[in-house]
Amino acid sequence: MFKGFLDVAPRCEVCGLDYSFADAGDGPAVFVTLIAGFLVLGAALLVDVEYEPPLWVYVVFFLPLTLLVCLGLLRPLKGVLIASQYKNKAAPGRLDVK
């Protein structure tokens, strides 16, 4: 489905399905932000309450963790949203003018 990290290929290499319908927009980024924020911020708050580490620990540990979680979830969630568009036959809204 992907030809790069997030670029959607024009067609499926196996079955030839045209991916011109695929437009996930900002949906994957929104879900990734919410999920990563919940996970990483929750872990940071837990570490803060339990251990009260110095500020540099947060920068060294939680900044890379945030990047890994965000980049790790972005592509799968984009694939899920595109598959959902295909399954539900999603199309842009149209006005029915008579």
PDB file of N, CA and C in Angstrom:
ATOM      1  N   MET A   1       0.812  -1.180   0.000  1.00  0.00           N
ATOM      2  CA  MET A   1       0.000   0.000   0.000  1.00  0.00           C
ATOM      3  C   MET A   1       0.869   1.263   0.000  1.00  0.00           C
ATOM      4  N   PHE A   2       2.010   1.208   0.648  1.00  0.00           N
ATOM      5  CA  PHE A   2       2.881   2.379   0.742  1.00  0.00           C
ATOM      6  C   PHE A   2       4.095   2.223  -0.165  1.00  0.00           C
ATOM      7  N   LYS A   3       4.517   3.322  -0.776  1.00  0.00           N
ATOM      8  CA  LYS A   3       5.736   3.291  -1.582  1.00  0.00           C
ATOM      9  C   LYS A   3       6.891   3.959  -0.864  1.00  0.00           C
ATOM     10  N   GLY A   4       6.610   4.696   0.185  1.00  0.00           N
ATOM     11  CA  GLY A   4       7.608   5.315   1.040  1.00  0.00           C
ATOM     12  C   GLY A   4       7.142   5.145   2.470  1.00  0.00           C
ATOM     13  N   PHE A   5       7.604   6.030   3.348  1.00  0.00           N
ATOM     14  CA  PHE A   5       7.166   5.904   4.747  1.00  0.00           C
ATOM     15  C   PHE A   5       5.674   6.177   4.876  1.00  0.00           C
ATOM     16  N   LEU A   6       5.179   7.246   4.237  1.00  0.00           N
ATOM     17  CA  LEU A   6       3.757   7.566   4.310  1.00  0.00           C
ATOM     18  C   LEU A   6       3.108   7.801   2.951  1.00  0.00           C
ATOM     19  N   ASP A   7       3.877   7.719   1.871  1.00  0.00           N
ATOM     20  CA  ASP A   7       3.321   7.932   0.538  1.00  0.00           C
ATOM     21  C   ASP A   7       2.526   6.707   0.098  1.00  0.00           C
ATOM     22  N   VAL A   8       1.294   6.943  -0.314  1.00  0.00           N
ATOM     23  CA  VAL A   8       0.444   5.848  -0.790  1.00  0.00           C
ATOM     24  C   VAL A   8       0.752   5.602  -2.258  1.00  0.00           C
ATOM     25  N   ALA A   9       0.970   4.348  -2.607  1.00  0.00           N
ATOM     26  CA  ALA A   9       1.242   3.976  -3.998  1.00  0.00           C
ATOM     27  C   ALA A   9      -0.009   4.233  -4.843  1.00  0.00           C
ATOM     28  N   PRO A  10       0.158   4.463  -6.141  1.00  0.00           N
ATOM     29  CA  PRO A  10      -1.016   4.707  -6.985  1.00  0.00           C
ATOM     30  C   PRO A  10      -1.907   3.472  -7.146  1.00  0.00           C
ATOM     31  N   ARG A  11      -1.295   2.282  -7.136  1.00  0.00           N
ATOM     32  CA  ARG A  11      -2.038   1.025  -7.311  1.00  0.00           C
ATOM     33  C   ARG A  11      -1.438  -0.060  -6.429  1.00  0.00           C
ATOM     34  N   CYS A  12      -2.248  -1.058  -6.125  1.00  0.00           N
ATOM     35  CA  CYS A  12      -1.760  -2.229  -5.403  1.00  0.00           C
ATOM     36  C   CYS A  12      -0.908  -3.058  -6.363  1.00  0.00           C
ATOM     37  N   GLU A  13       0.239  -3.495  -5.901  1.00  0.00           N
ATOM     38  CA  GLU A  13       1.132  -4.287  -6.755  1.00  0.00           C
ATOM     39  C   GLU A  13       0.605  -5.696  -6.991  1.00  0.00           C
ATOM     40  N   VAL A  14      -0.255  -6.189  -6.116  1.00  0.00           N
ATOM     41  CA  VAL A  14      -0.753  -7.561  -6.224  1.00  0.00           C
ATOM     42  C   VAL A  14      -2.051  -7.633  -7.028  1.00  0.00           C
ATOM     43  N   CYS A  15      -3.051  -6.837  -6.626  1.00  0.00           N
ATOM     44  CA  CYS A  15      -4.369  -6.960  -7.268  1.00  0.00           C
ATOM     45  C   CYS A  15      -4.694  -5.811  -8.224  1.00  0.00           C
ATOM     46  N   GLY A  16      -3.911  -4.746  -8.215  1.00  0.00           N
ATOM     47  CA  GLY A  16      -4.137  -3.629  -9.125  1.00  0.00           C
ATOM     48  C   GLY A  16      -5.190  -2.637  -8.658  1.00  0.00           C
ATOM     49  N   LEU A  17      -5.615  -2.702  -7.388  1.00  0.00           N
ATOM     50  CA  LEU A  17      -6.611  -1.772  -6.862  1.00  0.00           C
ATOM     51  C   LEU A  17      -6.093  -0.343  -6.957  1.00  0.00           C
ATOM     52  N   ASP A  18      -6.916   0.539  -7.503  1.00  0.00           N
ATOM     53  CA  ASP A  18      -6.561   1.950  -7.638  1.00  0.00           C
ATOM     54  C   ASP A  18      -6.763   2.637  -6.290  1.00  0.00           C
ATOM     55  N   TYR A  19      -5.706   3.261  -5.773  1.00  0.00           N
ATOM     56  CA  TYR A  19      -5.764   3.931  -4.478  1.00  0.00           C
ATOM     57  C   TYR A  19      -6.104   5.411  -4.597  1.00  0.00           C
ATOM     58  N   SER A  20      -6.708   5.825  -5.694  1.00  0.00           N
ATOM     59  CA  SER A  20      -7.029   7.241  -5.854  1.00  0.00           C
ATOM     60  C   SER A  20      -8.087   7.696  -4.842  1.00  0.00           C
ATOM     61  N   PHE A  21      -8.867   6.767  -4.300  1.00  0.00           N
ATOM     62  CA  PHE A  21      -9.874   7.104  -3.292  1.00  0.00           C
ATOM     63  C   PHE A  21      -9.240   7.404  -1.936  1.00  0.00           C
ATOM     64  N   ALA A  22      -8.005   6.987  -1.729  1.00  0.00           N
ATOM     65  CA  ALA A  22      -7.373   7.049  -0.414  1.00  0.00           C
ATOM     66  C   ALA A  22      -6.924   8.465  -0.073  1.00  0.00           C
ATOM     67  N   ASP A  23      -7.591   9.042   0.921  1.00  0.00           N
ATOM     68  CA  ASP A  23      -7.197  10.341   1.428  1.00  0.00           C
ATOM     69  C   ASP A  23      -7.482  10.357   2.923  1.00  0.00           C
ATOM     70  N   ALA A  24      -6.492   9.955   3.692  1.00  0.00           N
ATOM     71  CA  ALA A  24      -6.672   9.898   5.138  1.00  0.00           C
ATOM     72  C   ALA A  24      -6.571  11.283   5.770  1.00  0.00           C
ATOM     73  N   GLY A  25      -6.001  12.240   5.067  1.00  0.00           N
ATOM     74  CA  GLY A  25      -5.895  13.602   5.587  1.00  0.00           C
ATOM     75  C   GLY A  25      -5.072  13.653   6.868  1.00  0.00           C
ATOM     76  N   ASP A  26      -5.566  14.413   7.836  1.00  0.00           N
ATOM     77  CA  ASP A  26      -4.875  14.564   9.114  1.00  0.00           C
ATOM     78  C   ASP A  26      -5.366  13.577  10.169  1.00  0.00           C
ATOM     79  N   GLY A  27      -6.248  12.679   9.783  1.00  0.00           N
ATOM     80  CA  GLY A  27      -6.803  11.725  10.737  1.00  0.00           C
ATOM     81  C   GLY A  27      -5.770  10.908  11.477  1.00  0.00           C
ATOM     82  N   PRO A  28      -4.798  10.297  10.770  1.00  0.00           N
ATOM     83  CA  PRO A  28      -3.796   9.510  11.487  1.00  0.00           C
ATOM     84  C   PRO A  28      -2.986  10.346  12.478  1.00  0.00           C
ATOM     85  N   ALA A  29      -2.661  11.568  12.110  1.00  0.00           N
ATOM     86  CA  ALA A  29      -1.874  12.430  13.002  1.00  0.00           C
ATOM     87  C   ALA A  29      -2.653  12.762  14.270  1.00  0.00           C
ATOM     88  N   VAL A  30      -3.954  12.959  14.132  1.00  0.00           N
ATOM     89  CA  VAL A  30      -4.779  13.259  15.304  1.00  0.00           C
ATOM     90  C   VAL A  30      -4.798  12.068  16.251  1.00  0.00           C
ATOM     91  N   PHE A  31      -5.043  10.889  15.724  1.00  0.00           N
ATOM     92  CA  PHE A  31      -5.081   9.700  16.571  1.00  0.00           C
ATOM     93  C   PHE A  31      -3.720   9.414  17.203  1.00  0.00           C
ATOM     94  N   VAL A  32      -2.652   9.588  16.435  1.00  0.00           N
ATOM     95  CA  VAL A  32      -1.310   9.360  16.974  1.00  0.00           C
ATOM     96  C   VAL A  32      -1.015  10.345  18.096  1.00  0.00           C
ATOM     97  N   THR A  33      -1.383  11.598  17.909  1.00  0.00           N
ATOM     98  CA  THR A  33      -1.155  12.607  18.950  1.00  0.00           C
ATOM     99  C   THR A  33      -1.901  12.243  20.228  1.00  0.00           C
ATOM    100  N   LEU A  34      -3.137  11.838  20.093  1.00  0.00           N
ATOM    101  CA  LEU A  34      -3.918  11.492  21.285  1.00  0.00           C
ATOM    102  C   LEU A  34      -3.377  10.243  21.984  1.00  0.00           C
ATOM    103  N   ILE A  35      -3.066   9.214  21.218  1.00  0.00           N
ATOM    104  CA  ILE A  35      -2.576   7.967  21.809  1.00  0.00           C
ATOM    105  C   ILE A  35      -1.193   8.160  22.418  1.00  0.00           C
ATOM    106  N   ALA A  36      -0.286   8.785  21.668  1.00  0.00           N
ATOM    107  CA  ALA A  36       1.074   9.001  22.183  1.00  0.00           C
ATOM    108  C   ALA A  36       1.059   9.931  23.388  1.00  0.00           C
ATOM    109  N   GLY A  37       0.233  10.956  23.340  1.00  0.00           N
ATOM    110  CA  GLY A  37       0.133  11.858  24.487  1.00  0.00           C
ATOM    111  C   GLY A  37      -0.331  11.123  25.728  1.00  0.00           C
ATOM    112  N   PHE A  38      -1.318  10.264  25.569  1.00  0.00           N
ATOM    113  CA  PHE A  38      -1.814   9.492  26.706  1.00  0.00           C
ATOM    114  C   PHE A  38      -0.728   8.566  27.262  1.00  0.00           C
ATOM    115  N   LEU A  39      -0.060   7.831  26.377  1.00  0.00           N
ATOM    116  CA  LEU A  39       0.947   6.866  26.825  1.00  0.00           C
ATOM    117  C   LEU A  39       2.183   7.537  27.425  1.00  0.00           C
ATOM    118  N   VAL A  40       2.762   8.468  26.684  1.00  0.00           N
ATOM    119  CA  VAL A  40       4.018   9.074  27.121  1.00  0.00           C
ATOM    120  C   VAL A  40       3.795  10.004  28.309  1.00  0.00           C
ATOM    121  N   LEU A  41       2.762  10.819  28.255  1.00  0.00           N
ATOM    122  CA  LEU A  41       2.501  11.712  29.374  1.00  0.00           C
ATOM    123  C   LEU A  41       2.128  10.932  30.623  1.00  0.00           C
ATOM    124  N   GLY A  42       1.356   9.863  30.449  1.00  0.00           N
ATOM    125  CA  GLY A  42       1.027   9.018  31.589  1.00  0.00           C
ATOM    126  C   GLY A  42       2.268   8.400  32.215  1.00  0.00           C
ATOM    127  N   ALA A  43       3.184   7.926  31.371  1.00  0.00           N
ATOM    128  CA  ALA A  43       4.436   7.351  31.887  1.00  0.00           C
ATOM    129  C   ALA A  43       5.285   8.421  32.562  1.00  0.00           C
ATOM    130  N   ALA A  44       5.346   9.613  31.984  1.00  0.00           N
ATOM    131  CA  ALA A  44       6.137  10.694  32.575  1.00  0.00           C
ATOM    132  C   ALA A  44       5.562  11.114  33.929  1.00  0.00           C
ATOM    133  N   LEU A  45       4.252  11.191  34.022  1.00  0.00           N
ATOM    134  CA  LEU A  45       3.634  11.552  35.299  1.00  0.00           C
ATOM    135  C   LEU A  45       3.859  10.465  36.348  1.00  0.00           C
ATOM    136  N   LEU A  46       3.782   9.227  35.934  1.00  0.00           N
ATOM    137  CA  LEU A  46       4.036   8.127  36.863  1.00  0.00           C
ATOM    138  C   LEU A  46       5.473   8.161  37.381  1.00  0.00           C
ATOM    139  N   VAL A  47       6.419   8.378  36.477  1.00  0.00           N
ATOM    140  CA  VAL A  47       7.828   8.467  36.879  1.00  0.00           C
ATOM    141  C   VAL A  47       8.036   9.667  37.801  1.00  0.00           C
ATOM    142  N   ASP A  48       7.381  10.780  37.503  1.00  0.00           N
ATOM    143  CA  ASP A  48       7.535  11.976  38.325  1.00  0.00           C
ATOM    144  C   ASP A  48       7.007  11.751  39.741  1.00  0.00           C
ATOM    145  N   VAL A  49       5.844  11.116  39.850  1.00  0.00           N
ATOM    146  CA  VAL A  49       5.251  10.885  41.170  1.00  0.00           C
ATOM    147  C   VAL A  49       6.072   9.875  41.973  1.00  0.00           C
ATOM    148  N   GLU A  50       6.548   8.826  41.315  1.00  0.00           N
ATOM    149  CA  GLU A  50       7.256   7.760  42.024  1.00  0.00           C
ATOM    150  C   GLU A  50       8.705   8.107  42.366  1.00  0.00           C
ATOM    151  N   TYR A  51       9.419   8.747  41.441  1.00  0.00           N
ATOM    152  CA  TYR A  51      10.867   8.897  41.605  1.00  0.00           C
ATOM    153  C   TYR A  51      11.360  10.342  41.688  1.00  0.00           C
ATOM    154  N   GLU A  52      10.599  11.311  41.217  1.00  0.00           N
ATOM    155  CA  GLU A  52      10.984  12.720  41.173  1.00  0.00           C
ATOM    156  C   GLU A  52      12.400  12.913  40.605  1.00  0.00           C
ATOM    157  N   PRO A  53      12.632  12.473  39.373  1.00  0.00           N
ATOM    158  CA  PRO A  53      13.977  12.601  38.788  1.00  0.00           C
ATOM    159  C   PRO A  53      14.261  14.043  38.355  1.00  0.00           C
ATOM    160  N   PRO A  54      15.527  14.348  38.073  1.00  0.00           N
ATOM    161  CA  PRO A  54      15.856  15.686  37.563  1.00  0.00           C
ATOM    162  C   PRO A  54      15.305  15.881  36.150  1.00  0.00           C
ATOM    163  N   LEU A  55      15.259  17.127  35.699  1.00  0.00           N
ATOM    164  CA  LEU A  55      14.657  17.482  34.418  1.00  0.00           C
ATOM    165  C   LEU A  55      15.338  16.808  33.233  1.00  0.00           C
ATOM    166  N   TRP A  56      16.669  16.617  33.298  1.00  0.00           N
ATOM    167  CA  TRP A  56      17.380  16.036  32.162  1.00  0.00           C
ATOM    168  C   TRP A  56      16.920  14.603  31.879  1.00  0.00           C
ATOM    169  N   VAL A  57      16.400  13.901  32.871  1.00  0.00           N
ATOM    170  CA  VAL A  57      15.915  12.534  32.664  1.00  0.00           C
ATOM    171  C   VAL A  57      14.722  12.536  31.709  1.00  0.00           C
ATOM    172  N   TYR A  58      13.870  13.532  31.842  1.00  0.00           N
ATOM    173  CA  TYR A  58      12.709  13.621  30.957  1.00  0.00           C
ATOM    174  C   TYR A  58      13.135  13.884  29.520  1.00  0.00           C
ATOM    175  N   VAL A  59      14.113  14.755  29.350  1.00  0.00           N
ATOM    176  CA  VAL A  59      14.589  15.081  28.002  1.00  0.00           C
ATOM    177  C   VAL A  59      15.272  13.874  27.371  1.00  0.00           C
ATOM    178  N   VAL A  60      16.095  13.191  28.129  1.00  0.00           N
ATOM    179  CA  VAL A  60      16.865  12.065  27.593  1.00  0.00           C
ATOM    180  C   VAL A  60      15.982  10.842  27.343  1.00  0.00           C
ATOM    181  N   PHE A  61      15.004  10.615  28.196  1.00  0.00           N
ATOM    182  CA  PHE A  61      14.212   9.398  28.078  1.00  0.00           C
ATOM    183  C   PHE A  61      12.894   9.614  27.327  1.00  0.00           C
ATOM    184  N   PHE A  62      12.131  10.637  27.682  1.00  0.00           N
ATOM    185  CA  PHE A  62      10.778  10.775  27.148  1.00  0.00           C
ATOM    186  C   PHE A  62      10.717  11.442  25.777  1.00  0.00           C
ATOM    187  N   LEU A  63      11.688  12.258  25.412  1.00  0.00           N
ATOM    188  CA  LEU A  63      11.695  12.822  24.066  1.00  0.00           C
ATOM    189  C   LEU A  63      11.901  11.744  23.000  1.00  0.00           C
ATOM    190  N   PRO A  64      12.915  10.869  23.137  1.00  0.00           N
ATOM    191  CA  PRO A  64      13.033   9.769  22.166  1.00  0.00           C
ATOM    192  C   PRO A  64      11.834   8.806  22.213  1.00  0.00           C
ATOM    193  N   LEU A  65      11.295   8.577  23.397  1.00  0.00           N
ATOM    194  CA  LEU A  65      10.122   7.705  23.508  1.00  0.00           C
ATOM    195  C   LEU A  65       8.936   8.293  22.749  1.00  0.00           C
ATOM    196  N   THR A  66       8.759   9.598  22.843  1.00  0.00           N
ATOM    197  CA  THR A  66       7.688  10.264  22.110  1.00  0.00           C
ATOM    198  C   THR A  66       7.873  10.096  20.604  1.00  0.00           C
ATOM    199  N   LEU A  67       9.084  10.305  20.120  1.00  0.00           N
ATOM    200  CA  LEU A  67       9.361  10.148  18.691  1.00  0.00           C
ATOM    201  C   LEU A  67       9.121   8.713  18.232  1.00  0.00           C
ATOM    202  N   LEU A  68       9.569   7.740  19.006  1.00  0.00           N
ATOM    203  CA  LEU A  68       9.378   6.337  18.641  1.00  0.00           C
ATOM    204  C   LEU A  68       7.899   5.955  18.604  1.00  0.00           C
ATOM    205  N   VAL A  69       7.156   6.381  19.594  1.00  0.00           N
ATOM    206  CA  VAL A  69       5.726   6.042  19.633  1.00  0.00           C
ATOM    207  C   VAL A  69       4.990   6.697  18.465  1.00  0.00           C
ATOM    208  N   CYS A  70       5.285   7.979  18.222  1.00  0.00           N
ATOM    209  CA  CYS A  70       4.590   8.692  17.135  1.00  0.00           C
ATOM    210  C   CYS A  70       4.928   8.103  15.773  1.00  0.00           C
ATOM    211  N   LEU A  71       6.192   7.898  15.504  1.00  0.00           N
ATOM    212  CA  LEU A  71       6.580   7.358  14.200  1.00  0.00           C
ATOM    213  C   LEU A  71       6.156   5.901  14.046  1.00  0.00           C
ATOM    214  N   GLY A  72       6.134   5.172  15.150  1.00  0.00           N
ATOM    215  CA  GLY A  72       5.714   3.774  15.092  1.00  0.00           C
ATOM    216  C   GLY A  72       4.230   3.594  14.833  1.00  0.00           C
ATOM    217  N   LEU A  73       3.418   4.538  15.283  1.00  0.00           N
ATOM    218  CA  LEU A  73       1.971   4.412  15.117  1.00  0.00           C
ATOM    219  C   LEU A  73       1.436   5.078  13.852  1.00  0.00           C
ATOM    220  N   LEU A  74       2.177   6.004  13.277  1.00  0.00           N
ATOM    221  CA  LEU A  74       1.650   6.807  12.181  1.00  0.00           C
ATOM    222  C   LEU A  74       1.294   5.978  10.945  1.00  0.00           C
ATOM    223  N   ARG A  75       2.185   5.145  10.501  1.00  0.00           N
ATOM    224  CA  ARG A  75       1.934   4.356   9.289  1.00  0.00           C
ATOM    225  C   ARG A  75       0.815   3.323   9.474  1.00  0.00           C
ATOM    226  N   PRO A  76       0.819   2.546  10.566  1.00  0.00           N
ATOM    227  CA  PRO A  76      -0.293   1.599  10.737  1.00  0.00           C
ATOM    228  C   PRO A  76      -1.662   2.276  10.837  1.00  0.00           C
ATOM    229  N   LEU A  77      -1.730   3.410  11.531  1.00  0.00           N
ATOM    230  CA  LEU A  77      -3.012   4.084  11.643  1.00  0.00           C
ATOM    231  C   LEU A  77      -3.461   4.684  10.314  1.00  0.00           C
ATOM    232  N   LYS A  78      -2.525   5.134   9.499  1.00  0.00           N
ATOM    233  CA  LYS A  78      -2.887   5.620   8.171  1.00  0.00           C
ATOM    234  C   LYS A  78      -3.434   4.465   7.339  1.00  0.00           C
ATOM    235  N   GLY A  79      -2.812   3.305   7.428  1.00  0.00           N
ATOM    236  CA  GLY A  79      -3.313   2.123   6.724  1.00  0.00           C
ATOM    237  C   GLY A  79      -4.700   1.721   7.185  1.00  0.00           C
ATOM    238  N   VAL A  80      -4.945   1.800   8.483  1.00  0.00           N
ATOM    239  CA  VAL A  80      -6.264   1.453   9.021  1.00  0.00           C
ATOM    240  C   VAL A  80      -7.322   2.428   8.506  1.00  0.00           C
ATOM    241  N   LEU A  81      -7.008   3.709   8.489  1.00  0.00           N
ATOM    242  CA  LEU A  81      -7.982   4.681   8.009  1.00  0.00           C
ATOM    243  C   LEU A  81      -8.259   4.530   6.515  1.00  0.00           C
ATOM    244  N   ILE A  82      -7.244   4.219   5.735  1.00  0.00           N
ATOM    245  CA  ILE A  82      -7.456   4.000   4.300  1.00  0.00           C
ATOM    246  C   ILE A  82      -8.275   2.726   4.083  1.00  0.00           C
ATOM    247  N   ALA A  83      -7.985   1.678   4.837  1.00  0.00           N
ATOM    248  CA  ALA A  83      -8.772   0.440   4.730  1.00  0.00           C
ATOM    249  C   ALA A  83     -10.223   0.683   5.136  1.00  0.00           C
ATOM    250  N   SER A  84     -10.438   1.521   6.134  1.00  0.00           N
ATOM    251  CA  SER A  84     -11.790   1.862   6.556  1.00  0.00           C
ATOM    252  C   SER A  84     -12.524   2.644   5.467  1.00  0.00           C
ATOM    253  N   GLN A  85     -11.822   3.536   4.775  1.00  0.00           N
ATOM    254  CA  GLN A  85     -12.434   4.254   3.658  1.00  0.00           C
ATOM    255  C   GLN A  85     -12.863   3.285   2.564  1.00  0.00           C
ATOM    256  N   TYR A  86     -12.012   2.313   2.270  1.00  0.00           N
ATOM    257  CA  TYR A  86     -12.323   1.339   1.224  1.00  0.00           C
ATOM    258  C   TYR A  86     -13.518   0.473   1.631  1.00  0.00           C
ATOM    259  N   LYS A  87     -13.492  -0.017   2.863  1.00  0.00           N
ATOM    260  CA  LYS A  87     -14.554  -0.910   3.330  1.00  0.00           C
ATOM    261  C   LYS A  87     -15.906  -0.207   3.340  1.00  0.00           C
ATOM    262  N   ASN A  88     -15.923   1.046   3.756  1.00  0.00           N
ATOM    263  CA  ASN A  88     -17.178   1.784   3.867  1.00  0.00           C
ATOM    264  C   ASN A  88     -17.531   2.588   2.622  1.00  0.00           C
ATOM    265  N   LYS A  89     -16.730   2.415   1.569  1.00  0.00           N
ATOM    266  CA  LYS A  89     -16.967   3.118   0.296  1.00  0.00           C
ATOM    267  C   LYS A  89     -17.109   4.627   0.502  1.00  0.00           C
ATOM    268  N   ALA A  90     -16.186   5.194   1.282  1.00  0.00           N
ATOM    269  CA  ALA A  90     -16.219   6.624   1.583  1.00  0.00           C
ATOM    270  C   ALA A  90     -15.912   7.432   0.325  1.00  0.00           C
ATOM    271  N   ALA A  91     -16.607   8.522   0.199  1.00  0.00           N
ATOM    272  CA  ALA A  91     -16.406   9.422  -0.948  1.00  0.00           C
ATOM    273  C   ALA A  91     -16.589  10.855  -0.465  1.00  0.00           C
ATOM    274  N   PRO A  92     -16.031  11.818  -1.194  1.00  0.00           N
ATOM    275  CA  PRO A  92     -16.238  13.217  -0.807  1.00  0.00           C
ATOM    276  C   PRO A  92     -17.720  13.571  -0.859  1.00  0.00           C
ATOM    277  N   GLY A  93     -18.122  14.504  -0.015  1.00  0.00           N
ATOM    278  CA  GLY A  93     -19.518  14.945   0.007  1.00  0.00           C
ATOM    279  C   GLY A  93     -19.892  15.659  -1.289  1.00  0.00           C
ATOM    280  N   ARG A  94     -21.115  15.482  -1.707  1.00  0.00           N
ATOM    281  CA  ARG A  94     -21.597  16.112  -2.937  1.00  0.00           C
ATOM    282  C   ARG A  94     -22.939  16.771  -2.656  1.00  0.00           C
ATOM    283  N   LEU A  95     -23.151  17.908  -3.264  1.00  0.00           N
ATOM    284  CA  LEU A  95     -24.435  18.592  -3.134  1.00  0.00           C
ATOM    285  C   LEU A  95     -25.384  18.099  -4.209  1.00  0.00           C
ATOM    286  N   ASP A  96     -26.585  17.816  -3.815  1.00  0.00           N
ATOM    287  CA  ASP A  96     -27.598  17.367  -4.774  1.00  0.00           C
ATOM    288  C   ASP A  96     -28.424  18.586  -5.179  1.00  0.00           C
ATOM    289  N   VAL A  97     -27.994  19.233  -6.243  1.00  0.00           N
ATOM    290  CA  VAL A  97     -28.656  20.449  -6.718  1.00  0.00           C
ATOM    291  C   VAL A  97     -29.692  20.067  -7.760  1.00  0.00           C
ATOM    292  N   LYS A  98     -30.913  20.527  -7.562  1.00  0.00           N
ATOM    293  CA  LYS A  98     -31.988  20.195  -8.510  1.00  0.00           C
ATOM    294  C   LYS A  98     -32.386  21.392  -9.318  1.00  0.00           C
TER     295      LYS A  98
END
